[in-house]
Amino acid sequence: MTKDIAEELLTCGTVKLDHCKSRKTGNSFNCYVDITADEEGRAQYVIRFPERKRGGE
């Protein structure tokens, strides 16, 4: 994570990451990372994946 990405995440609460690489498969993917706080004020991170376009619709 770069300084710019960390600043955007802390400022906006979400950041889009492109060309991430899976340690398990080696495949690349895009995702969003959201940051929130739990009831005790601890940071919680959620990774979301963009919806895939469905062919033929």
PDB file of N, CA and C in Angstrom:
ATOM      1  N   MET A   1       0.853  -1.165   0.000  1.00  0.00           N
ATOM      2  CA  MET A   1       0.000   0.000   0.000  1.00  0.00           C
ATOM      3  C   MET A   1       0.903   1.232   0.000  1.00  0.00           C
ATOM      4  N   THR A   2       0.601   2.114  -0.905  1.00  0.00           N
ATOM      5  CA  THR A   2       1.376   3.350  -0.981  1.00  0.00           C
ATOM      6  C   THR A   2       0.813   4.386  -0.014  1.00  0.00           C
ATOM      7  N   LYS A   3       1.571   5.428   0.221  1.00  0.00           N
ATOM      8  CA  LYS A   3       1.134   6.518   1.084  1.00  0.00           C
ATOM      9  C   LYS A   3      -0.124   7.173   0.517  1.00  0.00           C
ATOM     10  N   ASP A   4      -0.150   7.370  -0.808  1.00  0.00           N
ATOM     11  CA  ASP A   4      -1.319   7.998  -1.443  1.00  0.00           C
ATOM     12  C   ASP A   4      -2.575   7.154  -1.265  1.00  0.00           C
ATOM     13  N   ILE A   5      -2.450   5.842  -1.415  1.00  0.00           N
ATOM     14  CA  ILE A   5      -3.601   4.950  -1.239  1.00  0.00           C
ATOM     15  C   ILE A   5      -4.076   4.990   0.201  1.00  0.00           C
ATOM     16  N   ALA A   6      -3.148   4.952   1.159  1.00  0.00           N
ATOM     17  CA  ALA A   6      -3.510   5.002   2.580  1.00  0.00           C
ATOM     18  C   ALA A   6      -4.225   6.306   2.905  1.00  0.00           C
ATOM     19  N   GLU A   7      -3.735   7.422   2.375  1.00  0.00           N
ATOM     20  CA  GLU A   7      -4.377   8.715   2.622  1.00  0.00           C
ATOM     21  C   GLU A   7      -5.788   8.750   2.053  1.00  0.00           C
ATOM     22  N   GLU A   8      -5.965   8.215   0.850  1.00  0.00           N
ATOM     23  CA  GLU A   8      -7.307   8.185   0.243  1.00  0.00           C
ATOM     24  C   GLU A   8      -8.244   7.308   1.061  1.00  0.00           C
ATOM     25  N   LEU A   9      -7.758   6.167   1.527  1.00  0.00           N
ATOM     26  CA  LEU A   9      -8.578   5.268   2.329  1.00  0.00           C
ATOM     27  C   LEU A   9      -9.013   5.944   3.623  1.00  0.00           C
ATOM     28  N   LEU A  10      -8.097   6.619   4.289  1.00  0.00           N
ATOM     29  CA  LEU A  10      -8.435   7.293   5.539  1.00  0.00           C
ATOM     30  C   LEU A  10      -9.327   8.508   5.319  1.00  0.00           C
ATOM     31  N   THR A  11      -9.158   9.200   4.205  1.00  0.00           N
ATOM     32  CA  THR A  11      -9.947  10.396   3.912  1.00  0.00           C
ATOM     33  C   THR A  11     -11.346  10.044   3.417  1.00  0.00           C
ATOM     34  N   CYS A  12     -11.424   9.107   2.470  1.00  0.00           N
ATOM     35  CA  CYS A  12     -12.691   8.790   1.804  1.00  0.00           C
ATOM     36  C   CYS A  12     -13.416   7.585   2.396  1.00  0.00           C
ATOM     37  N   GLY A  13     -12.692   6.715   3.068  1.00  0.00           N
ATOM     38  CA  GLY A  13     -13.304   5.517   3.632  1.00  0.00           C
ATOM     39  C   GLY A  13     -13.318   4.342   2.680  1.00  0.00           C
ATOM     40  N   THR A  14     -12.946   4.570   1.427  1.00  0.00           N
ATOM     41  CA  THR A  14     -12.888   3.494   0.450  1.00  0.00           C
ATOM     42  C   THR A  14     -11.841   3.842  -0.600  1.00  0.00           C
ATOM     43  N   VAL A  15     -11.262   2.821  -1.192  1.00  0.00           N
ATOM     44  CA  VAL A  15     -10.265   3.019  -2.237  1.00  0.00           C
ATOM     45  C   VAL A  15     -10.353   1.848  -3.210  1.00  0.00           C
ATOM     46  N   LYS A  16     -10.172   2.142  -4.496  1.00  0.00           N
ATOM     47  CA  LYS A  16     -10.162   1.101  -5.517  1.00  0.00           C
ATOM     48  C   LYS A  16      -8.712   0.695  -5.777  1.00  0.00           C
ATOM     49  N   LEU A  17      -8.464  -0.600  -5.752  1.00  0.00           N
ATOM     50  CA  LEU A  17      -7.140  -1.128  -6.038  1.00  0.00           C
ATOM     51  C   LEU A  17      -7.194  -1.928  -7.332  1.00  0.00           C
ATOM     52  N   ASP A  18      -6.323  -1.605  -8.268  1.00  0.00           N
ATOM     53  CA  ASP A  18      -6.259  -2.298  -9.546  1.00  0.00           C
ATOM     54  C   ASP A  18      -5.026  -3.192  -9.590  1.00  0.00           C
ATOM     55  N   HIS A  19      -5.156  -4.298 -10.273  1.00  0.00           N
ATOM     56  CA  HIS A  19      -4.048  -5.217 -10.542  1.00  0.00           C
ATOM     57  C   HIS A  19      -3.431  -5.793  -9.277  1.00  0.00           C
ATOM     58  N   CYS A  20      -4.279  -6.144  -8.297  1.00  0.00           N
ATOM     59  CA  CYS A  20      -3.792  -6.850  -7.112  1.00  0.00           C
ATOM     60  C   CYS A  20      -3.464  -8.280  -7.524  1.00  0.00           C
ATOM     61  N   LYS A  21      -2.614  -8.934  -6.779  1.00  0.00           N
ATOM     62  CA  LYS A  21      -2.214 -10.287  -7.142  1.00  0.00           C
ATOM     63  C   LYS A  21      -2.494 -11.231  -5.982  1.00  0.00           C
ATOM     64  N   SER A  22      -3.185 -12.324  -6.272  1.00  0.00           N
ATOM     65  CA  SER A  22      -3.497 -13.331  -5.274  1.00  0.00           C
ATOM     66  C   SER A  22      -2.235 -14.114  -4.916  1.00  0.00           C
ATOM     67  N   ARG A  23      -1.952 -14.226  -3.621  1.00  0.00           N
ATOM     68  CA  ARG A  23      -0.817 -15.044  -3.184  1.00  0.00           C
ATOM     69  C   ARG A  23      -1.070 -16.522  -3.466  1.00  0.00           C
ATOM     70  N   LYS A  24      -2.323 -16.911  -3.361  1.00  0.00           N
ATOM     71  CA  LYS A  24      -2.686 -18.326  -3.511  1.00  0.00           C
ATOM     72  C   LYS A  24      -2.623 -18.790  -4.962  1.00  0.00           C
ATOM     73  N   THR A  25      -3.217 -17.999  -5.881  1.00  0.00           N
ATOM     74  CA  THR A  25      -3.315 -18.440  -7.276  1.00  0.00           C
ATOM     75  C   THR A  25      -2.372 -17.717  -8.217  1.00  0.00           C
ATOM     76  N   GLY A  26      -1.908 -16.534  -7.815  1.00  0.00           N
ATOM     77  CA  GLY A  26      -1.074 -15.726  -8.697  1.00  0.00           C
ATOM     78  C   GLY A  26      -1.874 -14.910  -9.698  1.00  0.00           C
ATOM     79  N   ASN A  27      -3.204 -15.044  -9.680  1.00  0.00           N
ATOM     80  CA  ASN A  27      -4.069 -14.296 -10.587  1.00  0.00           C
ATOM     81  C   ASN A  27      -4.186 -12.838 -10.154  1.00  0.00           C
ATOM     82  N   SER A  28      -4.381 -11.958 -11.125  1.00  0.00           N
ATOM     83  CA  SER A  28      -4.589 -10.536 -10.839  1.00  0.00           C
ATOM     84  C   SER A  28      -6.080 -10.243 -10.737  1.00  0.00           C
ATOM     85  N   PHE A  29      -6.425  -9.233  -9.917  1.00  0.00           N
ATOM     86  CA  PHE A  29      -7.829  -8.854  -9.757  1.00  0.00           C
ATOM     87  C   PHE A  29      -7.903  -7.398  -9.333  1.00  0.00           C
ATOM     88  N   ASN A  30      -9.072  -6.811  -9.482  1.00  0.00           N
ATOM     89  CA  ASN A  30      -9.371  -5.463  -9.009  1.00  0.00           C
ATOM     90  C   ASN A  30     -10.331  -5.591  -7.829  1.00  0.00           C
ATOM     91  N   CYS A  31     -10.235  -4.675  -6.881  1.00  0.00           N
ATOM     92  CA  CYS A  31     -11.137  -4.716  -5.737  1.00  0.00           C
ATOM     93  C   CYS A  31     -11.247  -3.335  -5.111  1.00  0.00           C
ATOM     94  N   TYR A  32     -12.165  -3.221  -4.170  1.00  0.00           N
ATOM     95  CA  TYR A  32     -12.315  -2.026  -3.353  1.00  0.00           C
ATOM     96  C   TYR A  32     -12.010  -2.414  -1.911  1.00  0.00           C
ATOM     97  N   VAL A  33     -11.385  -1.517  -1.180  1.00  0.00           N
ATOM     98  CA  VAL A  33     -11.151  -1.721   0.238  1.00  0.00           C
ATOM     99  C   VAL A  33     -11.883  -0.614   0.977  1.00  0.00           C
ATOM    100  N   ASP A  34     -12.722  -1.012   1.925  1.00  0.00           N
ATOM    101  CA  ASP A  34     -13.475  -0.063   2.753  1.00  0.00           C
ATOM    102  C   ASP A  34     -12.936  -0.144   4.173  1.00  0.00           C
ATOM    103  N   ILE A  35     -12.908   0.993   4.868  1.00  0.00           N
ATOM    104  CA  ILE A  35     -12.504   1.022   6.270  1.00  0.00           C
ATOM    105  C   ILE A  35     -13.641   1.615   7.076  1.00  0.00           C
ATOM    106  N   THR A  36     -13.968   0.957   8.177  1.00  0.00           N
ATOM    107  CA  THR A  36     -14.970   1.442   9.123  1.00  0.00           C
ATOM    108  C   THR A  36     -14.416   1.192  10.527  1.00  0.00           C
ATOM    109  N   ALA A  37     -15.163   1.579  11.513  1.00  0.00           N
ATOM    110  CA  ALA A  37     -14.773   1.321  12.896  1.00  0.00           C
ATOM    111  C   ALA A  37     -15.849   0.477  13.562  1.00  0.00           C
ATOM    112  N   ASP A  38     -15.414  -0.495  14.374  1.00  0.00           N
ATOM    113  CA  ASP A  38     -16.387  -1.308  15.103  1.00  0.00           C
ATOM    114  C   ASP A  38     -16.867  -0.531  16.333  1.00  0.00           C
ATOM    115  N   GLU A  39     -17.728  -1.146  17.152  1.00  0.00           N
ATOM    116  CA  GLU A  39     -18.313  -0.449  18.301  1.00  0.00           C
ATOM    117  C   GLU A  39     -17.274  -0.052  19.345  1.00  0.00           C
ATOM    118  N   GLU A  40     -16.096  -0.653  19.279  1.00  0.00           N
ATOM    119  CA  GLU A  40     -15.022  -0.287  20.213  1.00  0.00           C
ATOM    120  C   GLU A  40     -14.004   0.668  19.581  1.00  0.00           C
ATOM    121  N   GLY A  41     -14.283   1.126  18.357  1.00  0.00           N
ATOM    122  CA  GLY A  41     -13.421   2.089  17.695  1.00  0.00           C
ATOM    123  C   GLY A  41     -12.237   1.480  16.953  1.00  0.00           C
ATOM    124  N   ARG A  42     -12.196   0.160  16.839  1.00  0.00           N
ATOM    125  CA  ARG A  42     -11.106  -0.495  16.115  1.00  0.00           C
ATOM    126  C   ARG A  42     -11.392  -0.508  14.621  1.00  0.00           C
ATOM    127  N   ALA A  43     -10.346  -0.351  13.838  1.00  0.00           N
ATOM    128  CA  ALA A  43     -10.497  -0.328  12.379  1.00  0.00           C
ATOM    129  C   ALA A  43     -10.923  -1.702  11.866  1.00  0.00           C
ATOM    130  N   GLN A  44     -11.858  -1.688  10.934  1.00  0.00           N
ATOM    131  CA  GLN A  44     -12.328  -2.897  10.260  1.00  0.00           C
ATOM    132  C   GLN A  44     -12.167  -2.683   8.767  1.00  0.00           C
ATOM    133  N   TYR A  45     -11.605  -3.640   8.079  1.00  0.00           N
ATOM    134  CA  TYR A  45     -11.388  -3.547   6.641  1.00  0.00           C
ATOM    135  C   TYR A  45     -12.253  -4.579   5.936  1.00  0.00           C
ATOM    136  N   VAL A  46     -12.876  -4.156   4.844  1.00  0.00           N
ATOM    137  CA  VAL A  46     -13.703  -5.047   4.032  1.00  0.00           C
ATOM    138  C   VAL A  46     -13.219  -4.938   2.596  1.00  0.00           C
ATOM    139  N   ILE A  47     -12.991  -6.087   1.972  1.00  0.00           N
ATOM    140  CA  ILE A  47     -12.616  -6.116   0.559  1.00  0.00           C
ATOM    141  C   ILE A  47     -13.861  -6.473  -0.242  1.00  0.00           C
ATOM    142  N   ARG A  48     -14.173  -5.625  -1.238  1.00  0.00           N
ATOM    143  CA  ARG A  48     -15.308  -5.877  -2.127  1.00  0.00           C
ATOM    144  C   ARG A  48     -14.782  -6.033  -3.543  1.00  0.00           C
ATOM    145  N   PHE A  49     -15.454  -6.861  -4.301  1.00  0.00           N
ATOM    146  CA  PHE A  49     -15.077  -7.076  -5.695  1.00  0.00           C
ATOM    147  C   PHE A  49     -16.141  -6.476  -6.599  1.00  0.00           C
ATOM    148  N   PRO A  50     -15.716  -5.822  -7.695  1.00  0.00           N
ATOM    149  CA  PRO A  50     -16.689  -5.244  -8.631  1.00  0.00           C
ATOM    150  C   PRO A  50     -17.578  -6.342  -9.213  1.00  0.00           C
ATOM    151  N   GLU A  51     -18.827  -5.978  -9.460  1.00  0.00           N
ATOM    152  CA  GLU A  51     -19.725  -6.929 -10.093  1.00  0.00           C
ATOM    153  C   GLU A  51     -19.257  -7.194 -11.508  1.00  0.00           C
ATOM    154  N   ARG A  52     -19.307  -8.449 -11.891  1.00  0.00           N
ATOM    155  CA  ARG A  52     -18.898  -8.811 -13.254  1.00  0.00           C
ATOM    156  C   ARG A  52     -20.039  -8.550 -14.223  1.00  0.00           C
ATOM    157  N   LYS A  53     -19.678  -8.109 -15.401  1.00  0.00           N
ATOM    158  CA  LYS A  53     -20.663  -7.920 -16.461  1.00  0.00           C
ATOM    159  C   LYS A  53     -21.087  -9.290 -16.965  1.00  0.00           C
ATOM    160  N   ARG A  54     -22.371  -9.448 -17.118  1.00  0.00           N
ATOM    161  CA  ARG A  54     -22.885 -10.724 -17.598  1.00  0.00           C
ATOM    162  C   ARG A  54     -23.122 -10.637 -19.101  1.00  0.00           C
ATOM    163  N   GLY A  55     -22.637 -11.613 -19.813  1.00  0.00           N
ATOM    164  CA  GLY A  55     -22.789 -11.620 -21.267  1.00  0.00           C
ATOM    165  C   GLY A  55     -24.224 -11.867 -21.688  1.00  0.00           C
ATOM    166  N   GLY A  56     -24.623 -11.281 -22.810  1.00  0.00           N
ATOM    167  CA  GLY A  56     -25.936 -11.515 -23.388  1.00  0.00           C
ATOM    168  C   GLY A  56     -27.058 -10.716 -22.771  1.00  0.00           C
ATOM    169  N   GLU A  57     -26.768  -9.784 -21.889  1.00  0.00           N
ATOM    170  CA  GLU A  57     -27.851  -8.997 -21.277  1.00  0.00           C
ATOM    171  C   GLU A  57     -27.838  -7.598 -21.797  1.00  0.00           C
TER     172      GLU A  57
END
